[in-house]
């Protein structure tokens, strides 16, 4: 099943400078759409849309939770 999930990511300190969006696109079978983002020296946040098989989105979110990021997912129906 294909899904689209909005995910809010918040990073602080050294985590803010890590290439986590690049890793999502490289390591998981999902399309990453950056909807909004703000990056400073010691803080970053991004609202991204993950599009792909629900199993891959779940794997990607599980990985994000291991990175030290604050992660909130907001699943929505296709076409929304």
PDB file of N, CA and C in Angstrom:
ATOM      1  N   UNK A   1       0.836  -1.179   0.000  1.00  0.00           N
ATOM      2  CA  UNK A   1       0.000   0.000   0.000  1.00  0.00           C
ATOM      3  C   UNK A   1       0.887   1.250   0.000  1.00  0.00           C
ATOM      4  N   UNK A   2       0.569   2.184  -0.866  1.00  0.00           N
ATOM      5  CA  UNK A   2       1.321   3.431  -0.969  1.00  0.00           C
ATOM      6  C   UNK A   2       0.657   4.475  -0.086  1.00  0.00           C
ATOM      7  N   UNK A   3       1.478   5.285   0.578  1.00  0.00           N
ATOM      8  CA  UNK A   3       0.952   6.302   1.489  1.00  0.00           C
ATOM      9  C   UNK A   3       1.778   7.568   1.383  1.00  0.00           C
ATOM     10  N   UNK A   4       1.219   8.631   1.940  1.00  0.00           N
ATOM     11  CA  UNK A   4       1.937   9.890   2.117  1.00  0.00           C
ATOM     12  C   UNK A   4       1.821  10.244   3.588  1.00  0.00           C
ATOM     13  N   UNK A   5       2.954  10.530   4.202  1.00  0.00           N
ATOM     14  CA  UNK A   5       2.977  10.857   5.620  1.00  0.00           C
ATOM     15  C   UNK A   5       3.784  12.130   5.802  1.00  0.00           C
ATOM     16  N   UNK A   6       3.195  13.102   6.489  1.00  0.00           N
ATOM     17  CA  UNK A   6       3.936  14.303   6.865  1.00  0.00           C
ATOM     18  C   UNK A   6       4.681  14.011   8.154  1.00  0.00           C
ATOM     19  N   UNK A   7       5.942  14.402   8.203  1.00  0.00           N
ATOM     20  CA  UNK A   7       6.774  14.158   9.378  1.00  0.00           C
ATOM     21  C   UNK A   7       7.459  15.462   9.761  1.00  0.00           C
ATOM     22  N   UNK A   8       7.332  15.827  11.027  1.00  0.00           N
ATOM     23  CA  UNK A   8       8.041  16.987  11.558  1.00  0.00           C
ATOM     24  C   UNK A   8       9.289  16.483  12.264  1.00  0.00           C
ATOM     25  N   UNK A   9      10.427  17.064  11.919  1.00  0.00           N
ATOM     26  CA  UNK A   9      11.716  16.685  12.494  1.00  0.00           C
ATOM     27  C   UNK A   9      12.318  17.901  13.182  1.00  0.00           C
ATOM     28  N   UNK A  10      12.782  17.716  14.412  1.00  0.00           N
ATOM     29  CA  UNK A  10      13.434  18.801  15.142  1.00  0.00           C
ATOM     30  C   UNK A  10      14.767  18.274  15.655  1.00  0.00           C
ATOM     31  N   UNK A  11      15.825  19.042  15.406  1.00  0.00           N
ATOM     32  CA  UNK A  11      17.171  18.653  15.818  1.00  0.00           C
ATOM     33  C   UNK A  11      17.820  19.792  16.584  1.00  0.00           C
ATOM     34  N   UNK A  12      18.644  19.428  17.552  1.00  0.00           N
ATOM     35  CA  UNK A  12      19.380  20.429  18.320  1.00  0.00           C
ATOM     36  C   UNK A  12      20.859  20.055  18.353  1.00  0.00           C
ATOM     37  N   UNK A  13      21.681  21.072  18.547  1.00  0.00           N
ATOM     38  CA  UNK A  13      23.132  20.912  18.688  1.00  0.00           C
ATOM     39  C   UNK A  13      23.746  20.194  17.495  1.00  0.00           C
ATOM     40  N   UNK A  14      24.601  19.210  17.723  1.00  0.00           N
ATOM     41  CA  UNK A  14      25.314  18.560  16.619  1.00  0.00           C
ATOM     42  C   UNK A  14      24.379  17.777  15.704  1.00  0.00           C
ATOM     43  N   UNK A  15      23.250  17.339  16.211  1.00  0.00           N
ATOM     44  CA  UNK A  15      22.290  16.616  15.377  1.00  0.00           C
ATOM     45  C   UNK A  15      21.759  17.513  14.264  1.00  0.00           C
ATOM     46  N   UNK A  16      21.693  18.816  14.517  1.00  0.00           N
ATOM     47  CA  UNK A  16      21.169  19.760  13.527  1.00  0.00           C
ATOM     48  C   UNK A  16      22.040  19.820  12.278  1.00  0.00           C
ATOM     49  N   UNK A  17      23.287  19.432  12.384  1.00  0.00           N
ATOM     50  CA  UNK A  17      24.213  19.538  11.258  1.00  0.00           C
ATOM     51  C   UNK A  17      24.393  18.213  10.507  1.00  0.00           C
ATOM     52  N   UNK A  18      23.629  17.202  10.884  1.00  0.00           N
ATOM     53  CA  UNK A  18      23.738  15.896  10.232  1.00  0.00           C
ATOM     54  C   UNK A  18      22.865  15.850   8.970  1.00  0.00           C
ATOM     55  N   UNK A  19      23.258  15.057   7.977  1.00  0.00           N
ATOM     56  CA  UNK A  19      22.509  14.994   6.705  1.00  0.00           C
ATOM     57  C   UNK A  19      21.353  13.990   6.739  1.00  0.00           C
ATOM     58  N   UNK A  20      20.415  14.164   7.674  1.00  0.00           N
ATOM     59  CA  UNK A  20      19.357  13.161   7.838  1.00  0.00           C
ATOM     60  C   UNK A  20      18.377  13.128   6.681  1.00  0.00           C
ATOM     61  N   UNK A  21      18.097  14.239   6.034  1.00  0.00           N
ATOM     62  CA  UNK A  21      17.182  14.208   4.881  1.00  0.00           C
ATOM     63  C   UNK A  21      17.852  13.486   3.705  1.00  0.00           C
ATOM     64  N   UNK A  22      19.116  13.719   3.509  1.00  0.00           N
ATOM     65  CA  UNK A  22      19.867  13.016   2.462  1.00  0.00           C
ATOM     66  C   UNK A  22      19.842  11.510   2.713  1.00  0.00           C
ATOM     67  N   UNK A  23      20.054  11.104   3.979  1.00  0.00           N
ATOM     68  CA  UNK A  23      20.032   9.672   4.323  1.00  0.00           C
ATOM     69  C   UNK A  23      18.668   9.050   4.040  1.00  0.00           C
ATOM     70  N   UNK A  24      17.590   9.782   4.333  1.00  0.00           N
ATOM     71  CA  UNK A  24      16.246   9.269   4.034  1.00  0.00           C
ATOM     72  C   UNK A  24      16.111   8.947   2.548  1.00  0.00           C
ATOM     73  N   UNK A  25      16.525   9.887   1.719  1.00  0.00           N
ATOM     74  CA  UNK A  25      16.397   9.714   0.269  1.00  0.00           C
ATOM     75  C   UNK A  25      17.306   8.599  -0.244  1.00  0.00           C
ATOM     76  N   UNK A  26      18.465   8.439   0.346  1.00  0.00           N
ATOM     77  CA  UNK A  26      19.430   7.446  -0.119  1.00  0.00           C
ATOM     78  C   UNK A  26      19.117   6.042   0.379  1.00  0.00           C
ATOM     79  N   UNK A  27      18.733   5.914   1.653  1.00  0.00           N
ATOM     80  CA  UNK A  27      18.653   4.602   2.287  1.00  0.00           C
ATOM     81  C   UNK A  27      17.270   3.950   2.275  1.00  0.00           C
ATOM     82  N   UNK A  28      16.242   4.704   1.924  1.00  0.00           N
ATOM     83  CA  UNK A  28      14.888   4.161   1.983  1.00  0.00           C
ATOM     84  C   UNK A  28      14.176   4.395   0.654  1.00  0.00           C
ATOM     85  N   UNK A  29      13.252   3.518   0.339  1.00  0.00           N
ATOM     86  CA  UNK A  29      12.496   3.609  -0.909  1.00  0.00           C
ATOM     87  C   UNK A  29      11.313   4.564  -0.723  1.00  0.00           C
ATOM     88  N   UNK A  30      11.636   5.825  -0.429  1.00  0.00           N
ATOM     89  CA  UNK A  30      10.617   6.861  -0.247  1.00  0.00           C
ATOM     90  C   UNK A  30      11.047   8.117  -0.998  1.00  0.00           C
ATOM     91  N   UNK A  31      10.055   8.877  -1.420  1.00  0.00           N
ATOM     92  CA  UNK A  31      10.305  10.194  -1.991  1.00  0.00           C
ATOM     93  C   UNK A  31      10.180  11.185  -0.847  1.00  0.00           C
ATOM     94  N   UNK A  32      11.181  12.048  -0.690  1.00  0.00           N
ATOM     95  CA  UNK A  32      11.185  13.037   0.386  1.00  0.00           C
ATOM     96  C   UNK A  32      10.900  14.406  -0.218  1.00  0.00           C
ATOM     97  N   UNK A  33       9.815  15.018   0.215  1.00  0.00           N
ATOM     98  CA  UNK A  33       9.442  16.352  -0.234  1.00  0.00           C
ATOM     99  C   UNK A  33       9.577  17.291   0.961  1.00  0.00           C
ATOM    100  N   UNK A  34      10.498  18.244   0.888  1.00  0.00           N
ATOM    101  CA  UNK A  34      10.677  19.214   1.971  1.00  0.00           C
ATOM    102  C   UNK A  34       9.615  20.293   1.800  1.00  0.00           C
ATOM    103  N   UNK A  35       8.686  20.355   2.747  1.00  0.00           N
ATOM    104  CA  UNK A  35       7.586  21.321   2.666  1.00  0.00           C
ATOM    105  C   UNK A  35       7.945  22.640   3.342  1.00  0.00           C
ATOM    106  N   UNK A  36       8.657  22.572   4.454  1.00  0.00           N
ATOM    107  CA  UNK A  36       9.145  23.752   5.172  1.00  0.00           C
ATOM    108  C   UNK A  36      10.390  23.333   5.938  1.00  0.00           C
ATOM    109  N   UNK A  37      11.278  24.293   6.178  1.00  0.00           N
ATOM    110  CA  UNK A  37      12.469  23.979   6.964  1.00  0.00           C
ATOM    111  C   UNK A  37      13.126  25.264   7.443  1.00  0.00           C
ATOM    112  N   UNK A  38      13.841  25.137   8.542  1.00  0.00           N
ATOM    113  CA  UNK A  38      14.646  26.228   9.076  1.00  0.00           C
ATOM    114  C   UNK A  38      15.875  25.605   9.720  1.00  0.00           C
ATOM    115  N   UNK A  39      17.045  26.110   9.341  1.00  0.00           N
ATOM    116  CA  UNK A  39      18.292  25.550   9.854  1.00  0.00           C
ATOM    117  C   UNK A  39      19.169  26.679  10.359  1.00  0.00           C
ATOM    118  N   UNK A  40      19.583  26.579  11.616  1.00  0.00           N
ATOM    119  CA  UNK A  40      20.520  27.511  12.228  1.00  0.00           C
ATOM    120  C   UNK A  40      21.755  26.724  12.641  1.00  0.00           C
ATOM    121  N   UNK A  41      22.700  27.404  13.278  1.00  0.00           N
ATOM    122  CA  UNK A  41      23.928  26.743  13.733  1.00  0.00           C
ATOM    123  C   UNK A  41      23.652  25.585  14.685  1.00  0.00           C
ATOM    124  N   UNK A  42      22.731  25.775  15.632  1.00  0.00           N
ATOM    125  CA  UNK A  42      22.537  24.768  16.676  1.00  0.00           C
ATOM    126  C   UNK A  42      21.110  24.241  16.772  1.00  0.00           C
ATOM    127  N   UNK A  43      20.282  24.535  15.791  1.00  0.00           N
ATOM    128  CA  UNK A  43      18.903  24.052  15.809  1.00  0.00           C
ATOM    129  C   UNK A  43      18.388  23.973  14.372  1.00  0.00           C
ATOM    130  N   UNK A  44      17.616  22.931  14.118  1.00  0.00           N
ATOM    131  CA  UNK A  44      17.009  22.769  12.798  1.00  0.00           C
ATOM    132  C   UNK A  44      15.656  22.094  12.956  1.00  0.00           C
ATOM    133  N   UNK A  45      14.753  22.440  12.069  1.00  0.00           N
ATOM    134  CA  UNK A  45      13.484  21.719  12.007  1.00  0.00           C
ATOM    135  C   UNK A  45      13.068  21.635  10.548  1.00  0.00           C
ATOM    136  N   UNK A  46      12.307  20.609  10.258  1.00  0.00           N
ATOM    137  CA  UNK A  46      11.814  20.435   8.892  1.00  0.00           C
ATOM    138  C   UNK A  46      10.472  19.720   8.929  1.00  0.00           C
ATOM    139  N   UNK A  47       9.600  20.130   8.034  1.00  0.00           N
ATOM    140  CA  UNK A  47       8.359  19.410   7.783  1.00  0.00           C
ATOM    141  C   UNK A  47       8.539  18.765   6.421  1.00  0.00           C
ATOM    142  N   UNK A  48       8.586  17.443   6.404  1.00  0.00           N
ATOM    143  CA  UNK A  48       8.792  16.715   5.158  1.00  0.00           C
ATOM    144  C   UNK A  48       7.613  15.787   4.903  1.00  0.00           C
ATOM    145  N   UNK A  49       7.383  15.521   3.637  1.00  0.00           N
ATOM    146  CA  UNK A  49       6.378  14.537   3.242  1.00  0.00           C
ATOM    147  C   UNK A  49       7.131  13.315   2.738  1.00  0.00           C
ATOM    148  N   UNK A  50       6.811  12.157   3.300  1.00  0.00           N
ATOM    149  CA  UNK A  50       7.378  10.899   2.829  1.00  0.00           C
ATOM    150  C   UNK A  50       6.309  10.201   2.004  1.00  0.00           C
ATOM    151  N   UNK A  51       6.676   9.801   0.796  1.00  0.00           N
ATOM    152  CA  UNK A  51       5.737   9.195  -0.142  1.00  0.00           C
ATOM    153  C   UNK A  51       6.333   7.867  -0.586  1.00  0.00           C
ATOM    154  N   UNK A  52       5.582   6.781  -0.407  1.00  0.00           N
ATOM    155  CA  UNK A  52       6.075   5.484  -0.827  1.00  0.00           C
ATOM    156  C   UNK A  52       5.311   4.363  -0.162  1.00  0.00           C
ATOM    157  N   UNK A  53       5.819   3.140  -0.289  1.00  0.00           N
ATOM    158  CA  UNK A  53       5.174   2.003   0.368  1.00  0.00           C
ATOM    159  C   UNK A  53       5.145   2.225   1.883  1.00  0.00           C
ATOM    160  N   UNK A  54       4.015   1.943   2.505  1.00  0.00           N
ATOM    161  CA  UNK A  54       3.859   2.211   3.932  1.00  0.00           C
ATOM    162  C   UNK A  54       4.936   1.506   4.765  1.00  0.00           C
ATOM    163  N   UNK A  55       5.347   0.307   4.342  1.00  0.00           N
ATOM    164  CA  UNK A  55       6.386  -0.412   5.083  1.00  0.00           C
ATOM    165  C   UNK A  55       7.702   0.359   5.070  1.00  0.00           C
ATOM    166  N   UNK A  56       8.039   0.967   3.929  1.00  0.00           N
ATOM    167  CA  UNK A  56       9.277   1.753   3.834  1.00  0.00           C
ATOM    168  C   UNK A  56       9.172   3.030   4.650  1.00  0.00           C
ATOM    169  N   UNK A  57       8.008   3.657   4.630  1.00  0.00           N
ATOM    170  CA  UNK A  57       7.815   4.862   5.440  1.00  0.00           C
ATOM    171  C   UNK A  57       7.975   4.521   6.914  1.00  0.00           C
ATOM    172  N   UNK A  58       7.405   3.407   7.343  1.00  0.00           N
ATOM    173  CA  UNK A  58       7.540   2.985   8.740  1.00  0.00           C
ATOM    174  C   UNK A  58       8.999   2.708   9.092  1.00  0.00           C
ATOM    175  N   UNK A  59       9.730   2.056   8.181  1.00  0.00           N
ATOM    176  CA  UNK A  59      11.165   1.809   8.421  1.00  0.00           C
ATOM    177  C   UNK A  59      11.939   3.117   8.516  1.00  0.00           C
ATOM    178  N   UNK A  60      11.617   4.060   7.631  1.00  0.00           N
ATOM    179  CA  UNK A  60      12.303   5.353   7.635  1.00  0.00           C
ATOM    180  C   UNK A  60      12.039   6.104   8.936  1.00  0.00           C
ATOM    181  N   UNK A  61      10.794   6.111   9.394  1.00  0.00           N
ATOM    182  CA  UNK A  61      10.459   6.797  10.646  1.00  0.00           C
ATOM    183  C   UNK A  61      11.135   6.106  11.825  1.00  0.00           C
ATOM    184  N   UNK A  62      11.162   4.778  11.820  1.00  0.00           N
ATOM    185  CA  UNK A  62      11.845   4.046  12.894  1.00  0.00           C
ATOM    186  C   UNK A  62      13.324   4.422  12.927  1.00  0.00           C
ATOM    187  N   UNK A  63      13.962   4.531  11.756  1.00  0.00           N
ATOM    188  CA  UNK A  63      15.371   4.936  11.720  1.00  0.00           C
ATOM    189  C   UNK A  63      15.533   6.360  12.253  1.00  0.00           C
ATOM    190  N   UNK A  64      14.656   7.275  11.819  1.00  0.00           N
ATOM    191  CA  UNK A  64      14.748   8.663  12.286  1.00  0.00           C
ATOM    192  C   UNK A  64      14.725   8.739  13.809  1.00  0.00           C
ATOM    193  N   UNK A  65      13.932   7.882  14.432  1.00  0.00           N
ATOM    194  CA  UNK A  65      13.814   7.892  15.892  1.00  0.00           C
ATOM    195  C   UNK A  65      15.096   7.437  16.582  1.00  0.00           C
ATOM    196  N   UNK A  66      15.998   6.793  15.846  1.00  0.00           N
ATOM    197  CA  UNK A  66      17.270   6.363  16.434  1.00  0.00           C
ATOM    198  C   UNK A  66      18.364   7.420  16.300  1.00  0.00           C
ATOM    199  N   UNK A  67      18.080   8.529  15.616  1.00  0.00           N
ATOM    200  CA  UNK A  67      19.107   9.518  15.291  1.00  0.00           C
ATOM    201  C   UNK A  67      19.263  10.634  16.315  1.00  0.00           C
ATOM    202  N   UNK A  68      18.377  10.688  17.310  1.00  0.00           N
ATOM    203  CA  UNK A  68      18.414  11.794  18.262  1.00  0.00           C
ATOM    204  C   UNK A  68      17.489  12.933  17.887  1.00  0.00           C
ATOM    205  N   UNK A  69      16.797  12.801  16.758  1.00  0.00           N
ATOM    206  CA  UNK A  69      15.825  13.810  16.343  1.00  0.00           C
ATOM    207  C   UNK A  69      14.525  13.642  17.126  1.00  0.00           C
ATOM    208  N   UNK A  70      13.806  14.743  17.302  1.00  0.00           N
ATOM    209  CA  UNK A  70      12.423  14.661  17.779  1.00  0.00           C
ATOM    210  C   UNK A  70      11.581  14.448  16.525  1.00  0.00           C
ATOM    211  N   UNK A  71      10.776  13.388  16.505  1.00  0.00           N
ATOM    212  CA  UNK A  71      10.042  12.990  15.304  1.00  0.00           C
ATOM    213  C   UNK A  71       8.550  12.915  15.614  1.00  0.00           C
ATOM    214  N   UNK A  72       7.748  13.587  14.797  1.00  0.00           N
ATOM    215  CA  UNK A  72       6.285  13.486  14.885  1.00  0.00           C
ATOM    216  C   UNK A  72       5.758  13.180  13.496  1.00  0.00           C
ATOM    217  N   UNK A  73       4.981  12.105  13.376  1.00  0.00           N
ATOM    218  CA  UNK A  73       4.405  11.779  12.068  1.00  0.00           C
ATOM    219  C   UNK A  73       2.918  12.087  12.071  1.00  0.00           C
ATOM    220  N   UNK A  74       2.442  12.491  10.903  1.00  0.00           N
ATOM    221  CA  UNK A  74       1.049  12.891  10.723  1.00  0.00           C
ATOM    222  C   UNK A  74       0.544  12.218   9.450  1.00  0.00           C
ATOM    223  N   UNK A  75       0.025  11.001   9.583  1.00  0.00           N
ATOM    224  CA  UNK A  75      -0.441  10.262   8.408  1.00  0.00           C
ATOM    225  C   UNK A  75      -1.721  10.897   7.879  1.00  0.00           C
ATOM    226  N   UNK A  76      -1.840  10.892   6.565  1.00  0.00           N
ATOM    227  CA  UNK A  76      -3.051  11.425   5.942  1.00  0.00           C
ATOM    228  C   UNK A  76      -3.413  10.557   4.754  1.00  0.00           C
ATOM    229  N   UNK A  77      -4.629  10.639   4.343  1.00  0.00           N
ATOM    230  CA  UNK A  77      -5.099   9.823   3.224  1.00  0.00           C
ATOM    231  C   UNK A  77      -4.513  10.334   1.918  1.00  0.00           C
ATOM    232  N   UNK A  78      -4.343   9.439   0.961  1.00  0.00           N
ATOM    233  CA  UNK A  78      -3.899   9.859  -0.363  1.00  0.00           C
ATOM    234  C   UNK A  78      -4.922  10.801  -0.959  1.00  0.00           C
ATOM    235  N   UNK A  79      -4.435  11.800  -1.657  1.00  0.00           N
ATOM    236  CA  UNK A  79      -5.317  12.778  -2.265  1.00  0.00           C
ATOM    237  C   UNK A  79      -5.672  13.925  -1.341  1.00  0.00           C
ATOM    238  N   UNK A  80      -5.202  13.862  -0.099  1.00  0.00           N
ATOM    239  CA  UNK A  80      -5.520  14.935   0.861  1.00  0.00           C
ATOM    240  C   UNK A  80      -4.576  16.091   0.673  1.00  0.00           C
TER     241      UNK A  80
END
